[in-house]
């Protein structure tokens, strides 16, 4: 098994880990292992499209009308004069 050494851990964090371990009836080391296991547990991620993410990003900008989708349309690059 691998080992991890954590340096410069704040006193209040260590105390919190000790409290959690006592509540769960295990050693602080086992408590930390459980926290780390939970942190990396595989959870199904909901895939969100770019349009949904962009709309959420600009939701508070005051855009009230829907943005039409361009499925099936060829988008031509803009040409600039030199």
PDB file of N, CA and C in Angstrom:
ATOM      1  N   UNK A   1       0.836  -1.183   0.000  1.00  0.00           N
ATOM      2  CA  UNK A   1       0.000   0.000   0.000  1.00  0.00           C
ATOM      3  C   UNK A   1       0.876   1.240   0.000  1.00  0.00           C
ATOM      4  N   UNK A   2       0.340   2.314  -0.539  1.00  0.00           N
ATOM      5  CA  UNK A   2       1.063   3.579  -0.616  1.00  0.00           C
ATOM      6  C   UNK A   2       0.906   4.368   0.674  1.00  0.00           C
ATOM      7  N   UNK A   3       1.796   5.331   0.851  1.00  0.00           N
ATOM      8  CA  UNK A   3       1.735   6.205   2.015  1.00  0.00           C
ATOM      9  C   UNK A   3       1.707   7.645   1.551  1.00  0.00           C
ATOM     10  N   UNK A   4       1.047   8.483   2.345  1.00  0.00           N
ATOM     11  CA  UNK A   4       0.997   9.915   2.077  1.00  0.00           C
ATOM     12  C   UNK A   4       1.379  10.636   3.356  1.00  0.00           C
ATOM     13  N   UNK A   5       2.278  11.584   3.244  1.00  0.00           N
ATOM     14  CA  UNK A   5       2.687  12.389   4.396  1.00  0.00           C
ATOM     15  C   UNK A   5       2.178  13.805   4.149  1.00  0.00           C
ATOM     16  N   UNK A   6       1.444  14.339   5.107  1.00  0.00           N
ATOM     17  CA  UNK A   6       0.915  15.694   4.984  1.00  0.00           C
ATOM     18  C   UNK A   6       1.653  16.578   5.978  1.00  0.00           C
ATOM     19  N   UNK A   7       2.362  17.546   5.472  1.00  0.00           N
ATOM     20  CA  UNK A   7       3.122  18.459   6.330  1.00  0.00           C
ATOM     21  C   UNK A   7       2.342  19.756   6.523  1.00  0.00           C
ATOM     22  N   UNK A   8       2.663  20.459   7.595  1.00  0.00           N
ATOM     23  CA  UNK A   8       2.111  21.786   7.876  1.00  0.00           C
ATOM     24  C   UNK A   8       0.576  21.790   7.964  1.00  0.00           C
ATOM     25  N   UNK A   9       0.029  20.766   8.553  1.00  0.00           N
ATOM     26  CA  UNK A   9      -1.411  20.684   8.757  1.00  0.00           C
ATOM     27  C   UNK A   9      -1.792  21.590   9.930  1.00  0.00           C
ATOM     28  N   UNK A  10      -2.791  22.428   9.727  1.00  0.00           N
ATOM     29  CA  UNK A  10      -3.209  23.340  10.780  1.00  0.00           C
ATOM     30  C   UNK A  10      -3.701  22.564  11.995  1.00  0.00           C
ATOM     31  N   UNK A  11      -3.467  23.118  13.181  1.00  0.00           N
ATOM     32  CA  UNK A  11      -3.852  22.472  14.434  1.00  0.00           C
ATOM     33  C   UNK A  11      -5.362  22.239  14.472  1.00  0.00           C
ATOM     34  N   UNK A  12      -6.147  23.203  13.999  1.00  0.00           N
ATOM     35  CA  UNK A  12      -7.603  23.037  14.045  1.00  0.00           C
ATOM     36  C   UNK A  12      -8.083  21.936  13.103  1.00  0.00           C
ATOM     37  N   UNK A  13      -7.375  21.720  11.997  1.00  0.00           N
ATOM     38  CA  UNK A  13      -7.736  20.638  11.076  1.00  0.00           C
ATOM     39  C   UNK A  13      -7.459  19.287  11.734  1.00  0.00           C
ATOM     40  N   UNK A  14      -6.295  19.181  12.357  1.00  0.00           N
ATOM     41  CA  UNK A  14      -5.954  17.937  13.054  1.00  0.00           C
ATOM     42  C   UNK A  14      -6.964  17.653  14.157  1.00  0.00           C
ATOM     43  N   UNK A  15      -7.339  18.692  14.918  1.00  0.00           N
ATOM     44  CA  UNK A  15      -8.316  18.513  15.997  1.00  0.00           C
ATOM     45  C   UNK A  15      -9.668  18.073  15.424  1.00  0.00           C
ATOM     46  N   UNK A  16     -10.039  18.641  14.299  1.00  0.00           N
ATOM     47  CA  UNK A  16     -11.292  18.242  13.650  1.00  0.00           C
ATOM     48  C   UNK A  16     -11.270  16.795  13.200  1.00  0.00           C
ATOM     49  N   UNK A  17     -10.140  16.359  12.673  1.00  0.00           N
ATOM     50  CA  UNK A  17      -9.992  14.959  12.267  1.00  0.00           C
ATOM     51  C   UNK A  17     -10.085  14.030  13.481  1.00  0.00           C
ATOM     52  N   UNK A  18      -9.469  14.445  14.569  1.00  0.00           N
ATOM     53  CA  UNK A  18      -9.533  13.631  15.785  1.00  0.00           C
ATOM     54  C   UNK A  18     -10.972  13.531  16.290  1.00  0.00           C
ATOM     55  N   UNK A  19     -11.716  14.638  16.246  1.00  0.00           N
ATOM     56  CA  UNK A  19     -13.126  14.607  16.675  1.00  0.00           C
ATOM     57  C   UNK A  19     -13.946  13.684  15.790  1.00  0.00           C
ATOM     58  N   UNK A  20     -13.763  13.804  14.472  1.00  0.00           N
ATOM     59  CA  UNK A  20     -14.502  12.940  13.541  1.00  0.00           C
ATOM     60  C   UNK A  20     -14.186  11.475  13.781  1.00  0.00           C
ATOM     61  N   UNK A  21     -12.904  11.178  13.980  1.00  0.00           N
ATOM     62  CA  UNK A  21     -12.485   9.797  14.219  1.00  0.00           C
ATOM     63  C   UNK A  21     -13.142   9.253  15.478  1.00  0.00           C
ATOM     64  N   UNK A  22     -13.176  10.048  16.517  1.00  0.00           N
ATOM     65  CA  UNK A  22     -13.791   9.603  17.773  1.00  0.00           C
ATOM     66  C   UNK A  22     -15.287   9.347  17.585  1.00  0.00           C
ATOM     67  N   UNK A  23     -15.955  10.242  16.874  1.00  0.00           N
ATOM     68  CA  UNK A  23     -17.394  10.067  16.605  1.00  0.00           C
ATOM     69  C   UNK A  23     -17.656   8.769  15.852  1.00  0.00           C
ATOM     70  N   UNK A  24     -16.790   8.446  14.883  1.00  0.00           N
ATOM     71  CA  UNK A  24     -16.971   7.246  14.066  1.00  0.00           C
ATOM     72  C   UNK A  24     -16.334   5.998  14.671  1.00  0.00           C
ATOM     73  N   UNK A  25     -15.688   6.148  15.820  1.00  0.00           N
ATOM     74  CA  UNK A  25     -15.112   4.991  16.493  1.00  0.00           C
ATOM     75  C   UNK A  25     -13.916   4.387  15.794  1.00  0.00           C
ATOM     76  N   UNK A  26     -13.077   5.216  15.224  1.00  0.00           N
ATOM     77  CA  UNK A  26     -11.883   4.697  14.560  1.00  0.00           C
ATOM     78  C   UNK A  26     -10.702   5.613  14.825  1.00  0.00           C
ATOM     79  N   UNK A  27      -9.530   5.180  14.405  1.00  0.00           N
ATOM     80  CA  UNK A  27      -8.323   5.986  14.603  1.00  0.00           C
ATOM     81  C   UNK A  27      -8.351   7.180  13.651  1.00  0.00           C
ATOM     82  N   UNK A  28      -7.547   8.182  13.948  1.00  0.00           N
ATOM     83  CA  UNK A  28      -7.476   9.341  13.069  1.00  0.00           C
ATOM     84  C   UNK A  28      -6.954   8.930  11.690  1.00  0.00           C
ATOM     85  N   UNK A  29      -6.005   8.006  11.681  1.00  0.00           N
ATOM     86  CA  UNK A  29      -5.457   7.526  10.417  1.00  0.00           C
ATOM     87  C   UNK A  29      -6.533   6.864   9.560  1.00  0.00           C
ATOM     88  N   UNK A  30      -7.367   6.029  10.178  1.00  0.00           N
ATOM     89  CA  UNK A  30      -8.453   5.378   9.438  1.00  0.00           C
ATOM     90  C   UNK A  30      -9.491   6.402   8.995  1.00  0.00           C
ATOM     91  N   UNK A  31      -9.737   7.402   9.807  1.00  0.00           N
ATOM     92  CA  UNK A  31     -10.682   8.462   9.434  1.00  0.00           C
ATOM     93  C   UNK A  31     -10.196   9.193   8.187  1.00  0.00           C
ATOM     94  N   UNK A  32      -8.908   9.504   8.147  1.00  0.00           N
ATOM     95  CA  UNK A  32      -8.342  10.176   6.979  1.00  0.00           C
ATOM     96  C   UNK A  32      -8.463   9.279   5.746  1.00  0.00           C
ATOM     97  N   UNK A  33      -8.205   7.973   5.909  1.00  0.00           N
ATOM     98  CA  UNK A  33      -8.360   7.048   4.779  1.00  0.00           C
ATOM     99  C   UNK A  33      -9.794   7.056   4.258  1.00  0.00           C
ATOM    100  N   UNK A  34     -10.766   7.050   5.152  1.00  0.00           N
ATOM    101  CA  UNK A  34     -12.174   7.071   4.737  1.00  0.00           C
ATOM    102  C   UNK A  34     -12.525   8.360   4.006  1.00  0.00           C
ATOM    103  N   UNK A  35     -12.004   9.481   4.503  1.00  0.00           N
ATOM    104  CA  UNK A  35     -12.252  10.771   3.838  1.00  0.00           C
ATOM    105  C   UNK A  35     -11.660  10.766   2.440  1.00  0.00           C
ATOM    106  N   UNK A  36     -10.446  10.258   2.295  1.00  0.00           N
ATOM    107  CA  UNK A  36      -9.800  10.204   0.984  1.00  0.00           C
ATOM    108  C   UNK A  36     -10.519   9.245   0.039  1.00  0.00           C
ATOM    109  N   UNK A  37     -10.969   8.108   0.559  1.00  0.00           N
ATOM    110  CA  UNK A  37     -11.734   7.171  -0.286  1.00  0.00           C
ATOM    111  C   UNK A  37     -12.990   7.837  -0.825  1.00  0.00           C
ATOM    112  N   UNK A  38     -13.691   8.545   0.044  1.00  0.00           N
ATOM    113  CA  UNK A  38     -14.924   9.223  -0.372  1.00  0.00           C
ATOM    114  C   UNK A  38     -14.636  10.315  -1.397  1.00  0.00           C
ATOM    115  N   UNK A  39     -13.497  10.978  -1.252  1.00  0.00           N
ATOM    116  CA  UNK A  39     -13.151  12.073  -2.157  1.00  0.00           C
ATOM    117  C   UNK A  39     -12.871  11.597  -3.575  1.00  0.00           C
ATOM    118  N   UNK A  40     -12.352  10.391  -3.730  1.00  0.00           N
ATOM    119  CA  UNK A  40     -12.000   9.908  -5.064  1.00  0.00           C
ATOM    120  C   UNK A  40     -12.959   8.848  -5.600  1.00  0.00           C
ATOM    121  N   UNK A  41     -14.032   8.609  -4.870  1.00  0.00           N
ATOM    122  CA  UNK A  41     -15.015   7.610  -5.291  1.00  0.00           C
ATOM    123  C   UNK A  41     -15.580   7.981  -6.664  1.00  0.00           C
ATOM    124  N   UNK A  42     -15.691   6.980  -7.512  1.00  0.00           N
ATOM    125  CA  UNK A  42     -16.251   7.214  -8.844  1.00  0.00           C
ATOM    126  C   UNK A  42     -17.737   7.495  -8.728  1.00  0.00           C
ATOM    127  N   UNK A  43     -18.108   8.671  -9.169  1.00  0.00           N
ATOM    128  CA  UNK A  43     -19.509   9.051  -9.188  1.00  0.00           C
ATOM    129  C   UNK A  43     -19.878   9.373 -10.628  1.00  0.00           C
ATOM    130  N   UNK A  44     -21.039   8.927 -11.070  1.00  0.00           N
ATOM    131  CA  UNK A  44     -21.427   9.265 -12.442  1.00  0.00           C
ATOM    132  C   UNK A  44     -21.567  10.771 -12.588  1.00  0.00           C
ATOM    133  N   UNK A  45     -20.887  11.303 -13.593  1.00  0.00           N
ATOM    134  CA  UNK A  45     -20.948  12.740 -13.826  1.00  0.00           C
ATOM    135  C   UNK A  45     -21.964  13.038 -14.915  1.00  0.00           C
ATOM    136  N   UNK A  46     -22.787  14.007 -14.675  1.00  0.00           N
ATOM    137  CA  UNK A  46     -23.772  14.417 -15.661  1.00  0.00           C
ATOM    138  C   UNK A  46     -23.073  15.273 -16.708  1.00  0.00           C
ATOM    139  N   UNK A  47     -23.111  14.829 -17.951  1.00  0.00           N
ATOM    140  CA  UNK A  47     -22.480  15.586 -19.027  1.00  0.00           C
ATOM    141  C   UNK A  47     -23.370  16.774 -19.387  1.00  0.00           C
ATOM    142  N   UNK A  48     -22.776  17.933 -19.441  1.00  0.00           N
ATOM    143  CA  UNK A  48     -23.491  19.151 -19.785  1.00  0.00           C
ATOM    144  C   UNK A  48     -22.846  19.725 -21.024  1.00  0.00           C
ATOM    145  N   UNK A  49     -23.673  20.082 -22.000  1.00  0.00           N
ATOM    146  CA  UNK A  49     -23.164  20.617 -23.250  1.00  0.00           C
ATOM    147  C   UNK A  49     -22.616  22.028 -23.108  1.00  0.00           C
ATOM    148  N   UNK A  50     -21.872  22.450 -24.122  1.00  0.00           N
ATOM    149  CA  UNK A  50     -21.263  23.769 -24.110  1.00  0.00           C
ATOM    150  C   UNK A  50     -22.314  24.873 -24.040  1.00  0.00           C
ATOM    151  N   UNK A  51     -23.393  24.727 -24.803  1.00  0.00           N
ATOM    152  CA  UNK A  51     -24.441  25.753 -24.804  1.00  0.00           C
ATOM    153  C   UNK A  51     -25.064  25.940 -23.440  1.00  0.00           C
ATOM    154  N   UNK A  52     -25.300  24.845 -22.745  1.00  0.00           N
ATOM    155  CA  UNK A  52     -25.876  24.919 -21.402  1.00  0.00           C
ATOM    156  C   UNK A  52     -24.909  25.604 -20.446  1.00  0.00           C
ATOM    157  N   UNK A  53     -23.631  25.261 -20.547  1.00  0.00           N
ATOM    158  CA  UNK A  53     -22.627  25.907 -19.687  1.00  0.00           C
ATOM    159  C   UNK A  53     -22.504  27.387 -20.003  1.00  0.00           C
ATOM    160  N   UNK A  54     -22.519  27.745 -21.288  1.00  0.00           N
ATOM    161  CA  UNK A  54     -22.403  29.153 -21.680  1.00  0.00           C
ATOM    162  C   UNK A  54     -23.614  29.940 -21.211  1.00  0.00           C
ATOM    163  N   UNK A  55     -24.805  29.375 -21.358  1.00  0.00           N
ATOM    164  CA  UNK A  55     -26.020  30.057 -20.912  1.00  0.00           C
ATOM    165  C   UNK A  55     -25.984  30.285 -19.412  1.00  0.00           C
ATOM    166  N   UNK A  56     -25.515  29.306 -18.660  1.00  0.00           N
ATOM    167  CA  UNK A  56     -25.430  29.459 -17.202  1.00  0.00           C
ATOM    168  C   UNK A  56     -24.409  30.526 -16.828  1.00  0.00           C
ATOM    169  N   UNK A  57     -23.326  30.596 -17.582  1.00  0.00           N
ATOM    170  CA  UNK A  57     -22.273  31.562 -17.301  1.00  0.00           C
ATOM    171  C   UNK A  57     -22.769  32.995 -17.477  1.00  0.00           C
ATOM    172  N   UNK A  58     -23.624  33.211 -18.487  1.00  0.00           N
ATOM    173  CA  UNK A  58     -24.106  34.557 -18.780  1.00  0.00           C
ATOM    174  C   UNK A  58     -25.558  34.772 -18.351  1.00  0.00           C
ATOM    175  N   UNK A  59     -26.072  33.937 -17.476  1.00  0.00           N
ATOM    176  CA  UNK A  59     -27.481  34.012 -17.068  1.00  0.00           C
ATOM    177  C   UNK A  59     -27.822  35.326 -16.390  1.00  0.00           C
ATOM    178  N   UNK A  60     -26.889  35.923 -15.694  1.00  0.00           N
ATOM    179  CA  UNK A  60     -27.183  37.145 -14.949  1.00  0.00           C
ATOM    180  C   UNK A  60     -26.884  38.419 -15.745  1.00  0.00           C
ATOM    181  N   UNK A  61     -26.658  38.286 -17.037  1.00  0.00           N
ATOM    182  CA  UNK A  61     -26.336  39.458 -17.863  1.00  0.00           C
ATOM    183  C   UNK A  61     -27.574  40.151 -18.418  1.00  0.00           C
ATOM    184  N   UNK A  62     -28.756  39.608 -18.189  1.00  0.00           N
ATOM    185  CA  UNK A  62     -29.981  40.254 -18.646  1.00  0.00           C
ATOM    186  C   UNK A  62     -30.461  39.800 -20.006  1.00  0.00           C
ATOM    187  N   UNK A  63     -29.915  38.745 -20.567  1.00  0.00           N
ATOM    188  CA  UNK A  63     -30.378  38.229 -21.852  1.00  0.00           C
ATOM    189  C   UNK A  63     -31.655  37.442 -21.614  1.00  0.00           C
ATOM    190  N   UNK A  64     -32.777  37.989 -22.092  1.00  0.00           N
ATOM    191  CA  UNK A  64     -34.078  37.357 -21.840  1.00  0.00           C
ATOM    192  C   UNK A  64     -34.551  36.483 -22.987  1.00  0.00           C
ATOM    193  N   UNK A  65     -34.135  36.785 -24.210  1.00  0.00           N
ATOM    194  CA  UNK A  65     -34.623  36.013 -25.355  1.00  0.00           C
ATOM    195  C   UNK A  65     -33.752  34.784 -25.568  1.00  0.00           C
ATOM    196  N   UNK A  66     -34.365  33.703 -26.030  1.00  0.00           N
ATOM    197  CA  UNK A  66     -33.581  32.483 -26.252  1.00  0.00           C
ATOM    198  C   UNK A  66     -32.629  32.647 -27.430  1.00  0.00           C
ATOM    199  N   UNK A  67     -31.544  31.938 -27.386  1.00  0.00           N
ATOM    200  CA  UNK A  67     -30.573  31.948 -28.475  1.00  0.00           C
ATOM    201  C   UNK A  67     -30.887  30.754 -29.378  1.00  0.00           C
ATOM    202  N   UNK A  68     -31.142  30.995 -30.674  1.00  0.00           N
ATOM    203  CA  UNK A  68     -31.500  29.890 -31.556  1.00  0.00           C
ATOM    204  C   UNK A  68     -30.344  28.917 -31.734  1.00  0.00           C
ATOM    205  N   UNK A  69     -30.686  27.661 -31.858  1.00  0.00           N
ATOM    206  CA  UNK A  69     -29.666  26.642 -32.082  1.00  0.00           C
ATOM    207  C   UNK A  69     -29.363  26.553 -33.568  1.00  0.00           C
ATOM    208  N   UNK A  70     -28.152  26.167 -33.878  1.00  0.00           N
ATOM    209  CA  UNK A  70     -27.721  26.093 -35.271  1.00  0.00           C
ATOM    210  C   UNK A  70     -27.424  24.664 -35.705  1.00  0.00           C
ATOM    211  N   UNK A  71     -28.201  23.716 -35.239  1.00  0.00           N
ATOM    212  CA  UNK A  71     -27.977  22.327 -35.632  1.00  0.00           C
ATOM    213  C   UNK A  71     -28.206  22.172 -37.135  1.00  0.00           C
ATOM    214  N   UNK A  72     -27.239  21.584 -37.816  1.00  0.00           N
ATOM    215  CA  UNK A  72     -27.381  21.299 -39.235  1.00  0.00           C
ATOM    216  C   UNK A  72     -27.025  22.455 -40.148  1.00  0.00           C
ATOM    217  N   UNK A  73     -26.613  23.601 -39.616  1.00  0.00           N
ATOM    218  CA  UNK A  73     -26.253  24.741 -40.447  1.00  0.00           C
ATOM    219  C   UNK A  73     -24.736  24.810 -40.573  1.00  0.00           C
ATOM    220  N   UNK A  74     -24.282  25.157 -41.765  1.00  0.00           N
ATOM    221  CA  UNK A  74     -22.863  25.337 -41.997  1.00  0.00           C
ATOM    222  C   UNK A  74     -22.488  26.751 -41.574  1.00  0.00           C
ATOM    223  N   UNK A  75     -21.542  26.878 -40.707  1.00  0.00           N
ATOM    224  CA  UNK A  75     -21.098  28.190 -40.246  1.00  0.00           C
ATOM    225  C   UNK A  75     -19.835  28.558 -41.004  1.00  0.00           C
ATOM    226  N   UNK A  76     -19.920  29.635 -41.764  1.00  0.00           N
ATOM    227  CA  UNK A  76     -18.790  30.096 -42.581  1.00  0.00           C
ATOM    228  C   UNK A  76     -17.898  31.019 -41.734  1.00  0.00           C
ATOM    229  N   UNK A  77     -16.583  30.869 -41.832  1.00  0.00           N
ATOM    230  CA  UNK A  77     -15.699  31.779 -41.108  1.00  0.00           C
ATOM    231  C   UNK A  77     -15.787  33.187 -41.683  1.00  0.00           C
ATOM    232  N   UNK A  78     -15.616  34.173 -40.852  1.00  0.00           N
ATOM    233  CA  UNK A  78     -15.688  35.559 -41.273  1.00  0.00           C
ATOM    234  C   UNK A  78     -14.450  35.922 -42.069  1.00  0.00           C
ATOM    235  N   UNK A  79     -14.632  36.756 -43.099  1.00  0.00           N
ATOM    236  CA  UNK A  79     -13.493  37.199 -43.904  1.00  0.00           C
ATOM    237  C   UNK A  79     -13.197  38.649 -43.548  1.00  0.00           C
ATOM    238  N   UNK A  80     -11.934  38.974 -43.412  1.00  0.00           N
ATOM    239  CA  UNK A  80     -11.495  40.326 -43.082  1.00  0.00           C
ATOM    240  C   UNK A  80     -10.742  40.926 -44.244  1.00  0.00           C
ATOM    241  N   UNK A  81     -10.935  42.226 -44.466  1.00  0.00           N
ATOM    242  CA  UNK A  81     -10.194  42.910 -45.524  1.00  0.00           C
ATOM    243  C   UNK A  81      -8.813  43.261 -45.005  1.00  0.00           C
ATOM    244  N   UNK A  82      -7.841  43.210 -45.898  1.00  0.00           N
ATOM    245  CA  UNK A  82      -6.473  43.549 -45.497  1.00  0.00           C
ATOM    246  C   UNK A  82      -6.178  44.993 -45.737  1.00  0.00           C
TER     247      UNK A  82
END
